[in-house]
Amino acid sequence: MTIEKHDIHHEFPEFKDEIRDLKMNNAHFSRLFKEYHELDHEVIRIEEGVENTADDYLEHLKVKRLRLKDEIYAMLKQHSACV
């Protein structure tokens, strides 16, 4: 089974410059980006079978990842509109 990548750079390639700029200049964005990356890595490890968990825990992680992605996307759109 192929695991689909959900990292921010794959999800929002059109915001490459904004991602770089916000990571360097916005502590809140940088923290969200790091939290998303760590969460995505944990989800991938579970989906690959490296770690075993209950299905409801995996679903909880995916919902949390989605909420983070939504917040990151909103920040990217806002930053893009201001530049």
N, C-alpha and C. Protein backbone atom coordinates (compact mmCIF):
# COMPACT_ATOMS: atom_id res chain seq x y z
N MET A 1 0.84 -1.18 0.00
CA MET A 1 0.00 0.00 0.00
C MET A 1 0.88 1.24 0.00
N THR A 2 0.59 2.18 -0.89
CA THR A 2 1.33 3.42 -0.96
C THR A 2 0.70 4.44 -0.03
N ILE A 3 1.52 5.04 0.81
CA ILE A 3 1.04 6.05 1.74
C ILE A 3 1.14 7.42 1.06
N GLU A 4 0.03 8.14 1.04
CA GLU A 4 -0.01 9.46 0.41
C GLU A 4 0.67 10.48 1.31
N LYS A 5 1.50 11.33 0.70
CA LYS A 5 2.18 12.37 1.46
C LYS A 5 1.23 13.52 1.72
N HIS A 6 1.27 14.00 2.96
CA HIS A 6 0.42 15.13 3.35
C HIS A 6 1.24 16.28 3.91
N ASP A 7 2.55 16.29 3.68
CA ASP A 7 3.33 17.39 4.24
C ASP A 7 2.91 18.69 3.56
N ILE A 8 3.15 19.79 4.23
CA ILE A 8 2.67 21.10 3.80
C ILE A 8 3.20 21.46 2.41
N HIS A 9 4.43 21.13 2.11
CA HIS A 9 4.99 21.47 0.80
C HIS A 9 4.27 20.72 -0.33
N HIS A 10 3.85 19.49 -0.08
CA HIS A 10 3.09 18.74 -1.09
C HIS A 10 1.64 19.23 -1.17
N GLU A 11 1.09 19.62 -0.05
CA GLU A 11 -0.30 20.07 -0.01
C GLU A 11 -0.48 21.44 -0.67
N PHE A 12 0.51 22.32 -0.49
CA PHE A 12 0.38 23.70 -0.97
C PHE A 12 1.62 24.13 -1.75
N PRO A 13 1.91 23.48 -2.87
CA PRO A 13 3.13 23.84 -3.61
C PRO A 13 3.09 25.27 -4.16
N GLU A 14 1.89 25.81 -4.35
CA GLU A 14 1.76 27.17 -4.86
C GLU A 14 2.17 28.23 -3.84
N PHE A 15 2.31 27.83 -2.58
CA PHE A 15 2.70 28.75 -1.51
C PHE A 15 4.14 28.53 -1.04
N LYS A 16 4.98 28.02 -1.91
CA LYS A 16 6.36 27.71 -1.53
C LYS A 16 7.07 28.91 -0.89
N ASP A 17 6.99 30.06 -1.52
CA ASP A 17 7.67 31.25 -1.00
C ASP A 17 7.05 31.73 0.30
N GLU A 18 5.73 31.68 0.38
CA GLU A 18 5.04 32.11 1.60
C GLU A 18 5.38 31.19 2.77
N ILE A 19 5.48 29.89 2.52
CA ILE A 19 5.84 28.94 3.57
C ILE A 19 7.21 29.28 4.12
N ARG A 20 8.16 29.49 3.22
CA ARG A 20 9.53 29.81 3.63
C ARG A 20 9.55 31.11 4.44
N ASP A 21 8.88 32.14 3.94
CA ASP A 21 8.87 33.43 4.60
C ASP A 21 8.23 33.35 5.98
N LEU A 22 7.07 32.71 6.06
CA LEU A 22 6.39 32.61 7.35
C LEU A 22 7.17 31.75 8.35
N LYS A 23 7.79 30.68 7.89
CA LYS A 23 8.59 29.85 8.80
C LYS A 23 9.73 30.66 9.41
N MET A 24 10.29 31.57 8.63
CA MET A 24 11.43 32.36 9.10
C MET A 24 11.01 33.56 9.94
N ASN A 25 9.81 34.10 9.69
CA ASN A 25 9.45 35.38 10.29
C ASN A 25 8.22 35.38 11.19
N ASN A 26 7.56 34.25 11.33
CA ASN A 26 6.34 34.20 12.13
C ASN A 26 6.43 33.00 13.07
N ALA A 27 6.64 33.29 14.35
CA ALA A 27 6.84 32.22 15.33
C ALA A 27 5.61 31.32 15.45
N HIS A 28 4.41 31.90 15.36
CA HIS A 28 3.19 31.09 15.46
C HIS A 28 3.09 30.13 14.28
N PHE A 29 3.32 30.64 13.07
CA PHE A 29 3.29 29.78 11.89
C PHE A 29 4.35 28.68 12.01
N SER A 30 5.53 29.06 12.43
CA SER A 30 6.62 28.09 12.56
C SER A 30 6.25 26.97 13.53
N ARG A 31 5.61 27.34 14.63
CA ARG A 31 5.18 26.33 15.63
C ARG A 31 4.11 25.42 15.04
N LEU A 32 3.14 26.00 14.33
CA LEU A 32 2.09 25.20 13.69
C LEU A 32 2.68 24.26 12.65
N PHE A 33 3.62 24.78 11.85
CA PHE A 33 4.27 23.98 10.82
C PHE A 33 4.98 22.78 11.44
N LYS A 34 5.71 23.03 12.52
CA LYS A 34 6.44 21.95 13.20
C LYS A 34 5.47 20.93 13.79
N GLU A 35 4.42 21.42 14.44
CA GLU A 35 3.43 20.52 15.03
C GLU A 35 2.76 19.67 13.95
N TYR A 36 2.41 20.29 12.82
CA TYR A 36 1.80 19.56 11.71
C TYR A 36 2.76 18.48 11.20
N HIS A 37 4.02 18.85 11.01
CA HIS A 37 5.03 17.91 10.50
C HIS A 37 5.16 16.70 11.44
N GLU A 38 5.24 16.95 12.73
CA GLU A 38 5.37 15.86 13.70
C GLU A 38 4.13 14.97 13.71
N LEU A 39 2.97 15.58 13.63
CA LEU A 39 1.71 14.83 13.61
C LEU A 39 1.60 14.00 12.34
N ASP A 40 1.95 14.60 11.20
CA ASP A 40 1.92 13.88 9.94
C ASP A 40 2.87 12.68 9.97
N HIS A 41 4.05 12.88 10.54
CA HIS A 41 5.03 11.80 10.64
C HIS A 41 4.46 10.65 11.49
N GLU A 42 3.78 10.98 12.59
CA GLU A 42 3.19 9.94 13.44
C GLU A 42 2.09 9.19 12.69
N VAL A 43 1.25 9.90 11.96
CA VAL A 43 0.19 9.26 11.19
C VAL A 43 0.79 8.31 10.15
N ILE A 44 1.82 8.75 9.46
CA ILE A 44 2.47 7.91 8.45
C ILE A 44 3.05 6.65 9.08
N ARG A 45 3.70 6.79 10.23
CA ARG A 45 4.27 5.62 10.91
C ARG A 45 3.18 4.61 11.29
N ILE A 46 2.05 5.11 11.72
CA ILE A 46 0.94 4.22 12.07
C ILE A 46 0.39 3.55 10.82
N GLU A 47 0.19 4.33 9.76
CA GLU A 47 -0.35 3.76 8.53
C GLU A 47 0.60 2.75 7.89
N GLU A 48 1.90 2.93 8.06
CA GLU A 48 2.88 1.99 7.52
C GLU A 48 3.03 0.75 8.40
N GLY A 49 2.42 0.76 9.58
CA GLY A 49 2.50 -0.39 10.47
C GLY A 49 3.70 -0.38 11.38
N VAL A 50 4.45 0.71 11.40
CA VAL A 50 5.62 0.82 12.28
C VAL A 50 5.16 0.92 13.73
N GLU A 51 4.03 1.62 13.94
CA GLU A 51 3.44 1.76 15.26
C GLU A 51 2.02 1.21 15.21
N ASN A 52 1.58 0.61 16.28
CA ASN A 52 0.22 0.08 16.35
C ASN A 52 -0.58 0.91 17.34
N THR A 53 -1.79 1.28 16.94
CA THR A 53 -2.69 2.03 17.81
C THR A 53 -4.12 1.61 17.51
N ALA A 54 -5.01 2.11 18.32
CA ALA A 54 -6.43 1.90 18.07
C ALA A 54 -6.86 2.77 16.90
N ASP A 55 -7.84 2.31 16.15
CA ASP A 55 -8.33 3.05 15.00
C ASP A 55 -8.85 4.44 15.38
N ASP A 56 -9.53 4.53 16.53
CA ASP A 56 -10.07 5.84 16.93
C ASP A 56 -8.96 6.83 17.26
N TYR A 57 -7.82 6.36 17.75
CA TYR A 57 -6.68 7.24 18.00
C TYR A 57 -6.13 7.77 16.68
N LEU A 58 -6.00 6.91 15.68
CA LEU A 58 -5.52 7.34 14.37
C LEU A 58 -6.48 8.36 13.77
N GLU A 59 -7.78 8.12 13.90
CA GLU A 59 -8.75 9.09 13.37
C GLU A 59 -8.65 10.42 14.10
N HIS A 60 -8.42 10.39 15.40
CA HIS A 60 -8.23 11.61 16.18
C HIS A 60 -7.03 12.39 15.66
N LEU A 61 -5.93 11.69 15.38
CA LEU A 61 -4.73 12.34 14.84
C LEU A 61 -5.01 12.97 13.48
N LYS A 62 -5.75 12.27 12.64
CA LYS A 62 -6.06 12.78 11.31
C LYS A 62 -6.94 14.04 11.39
N VAL A 63 -7.88 14.06 12.31
CA VAL A 63 -8.73 15.24 12.49
C VAL A 63 -7.88 16.41 12.98
N LYS A 64 -7.01 16.15 13.92
CA LYS A 64 -6.13 17.20 14.43
C LYS A 64 -5.22 17.72 13.31
N ARG A 65 -4.70 16.82 12.49
CA ARG A 65 -3.85 17.22 11.37
C ARG A 65 -4.64 18.09 10.39
N LEU A 66 -5.87 17.74 10.12
CA LEU A 66 -6.71 18.51 9.22
C LEU A 66 -6.97 19.92 9.76
N ARG A 67 -7.24 20.02 11.05
CA ARG A 67 -7.47 21.34 11.65
C ARG A 67 -6.22 22.20 11.56
N LEU A 68 -5.06 21.61 11.81
CA LEU A 68 -3.81 22.35 11.67
C LEU A 68 -3.59 22.80 10.23
N LYS A 69 -3.88 21.91 9.28
CA LYS A 69 -3.71 22.24 7.88
C LYS A 69 -4.63 23.40 7.49
N ASP A 70 -5.86 23.40 7.99
CA ASP A 70 -6.79 24.49 7.71
C ASP A 70 -6.26 25.82 8.24
N GLU A 71 -5.72 25.80 9.45
CA GLU A 71 -5.18 27.01 10.05
C GLU A 71 -3.95 27.49 9.28
N ILE A 72 -3.10 26.58 8.89
CA ILE A 72 -1.91 26.92 8.12
C ILE A 72 -2.31 27.51 6.77
N TYR A 73 -3.29 26.89 6.11
CA TYR A 73 -3.76 27.39 4.81
C TYR A 73 -4.31 28.80 4.94
N ALA A 74 -5.07 29.07 5.97
CA ALA A 74 -5.63 30.40 6.18
C ALA A 74 -4.50 31.43 6.35
N MET A 75 -3.48 31.06 7.08
CA MET A 75 -2.35 31.97 7.27
C MET A 75 -1.60 32.19 5.95
N LEU A 76 -1.46 31.14 5.17
CA LEU A 76 -0.77 31.27 3.87
C LEU A 76 -1.57 32.19 2.93
N LYS A 77 -2.87 32.01 2.88
CA LYS A 77 -3.71 32.85 2.03
C LYS A 77 -3.64 34.31 2.47
N GLN A 78 -3.71 34.52 3.77
CA GLN A 78 -3.66 35.89 4.29
C GLN A 78 -2.31 36.53 3.97
N HIS A 79 -1.24 35.79 4.17
CA HIS A 79 0.10 36.31 3.88
C HIS A 79 0.26 36.59 2.40
N SER A 80 -0.25 35.72 1.57
CA SER A 80 -0.16 35.89 0.13
C SER A 80 -0.90 37.15 -0.32
N ALA A 81 -2.03 37.44 0.28
CA ALA A 81 -2.82 38.62 -0.08
C ALA A 81 -2.13 39.92 0.34
N CYS A 82 -1.32 39.85 1.38
CA CYS A 82 -0.65 41.04 1.89
C CYS A 82 0.65 41.35 1.16
N VAL A 83 1.18 40.39 0.44
CA VAL A 83 2.48 40.58 -0.22
C VAL A 83 2.31 41.21 -1.58
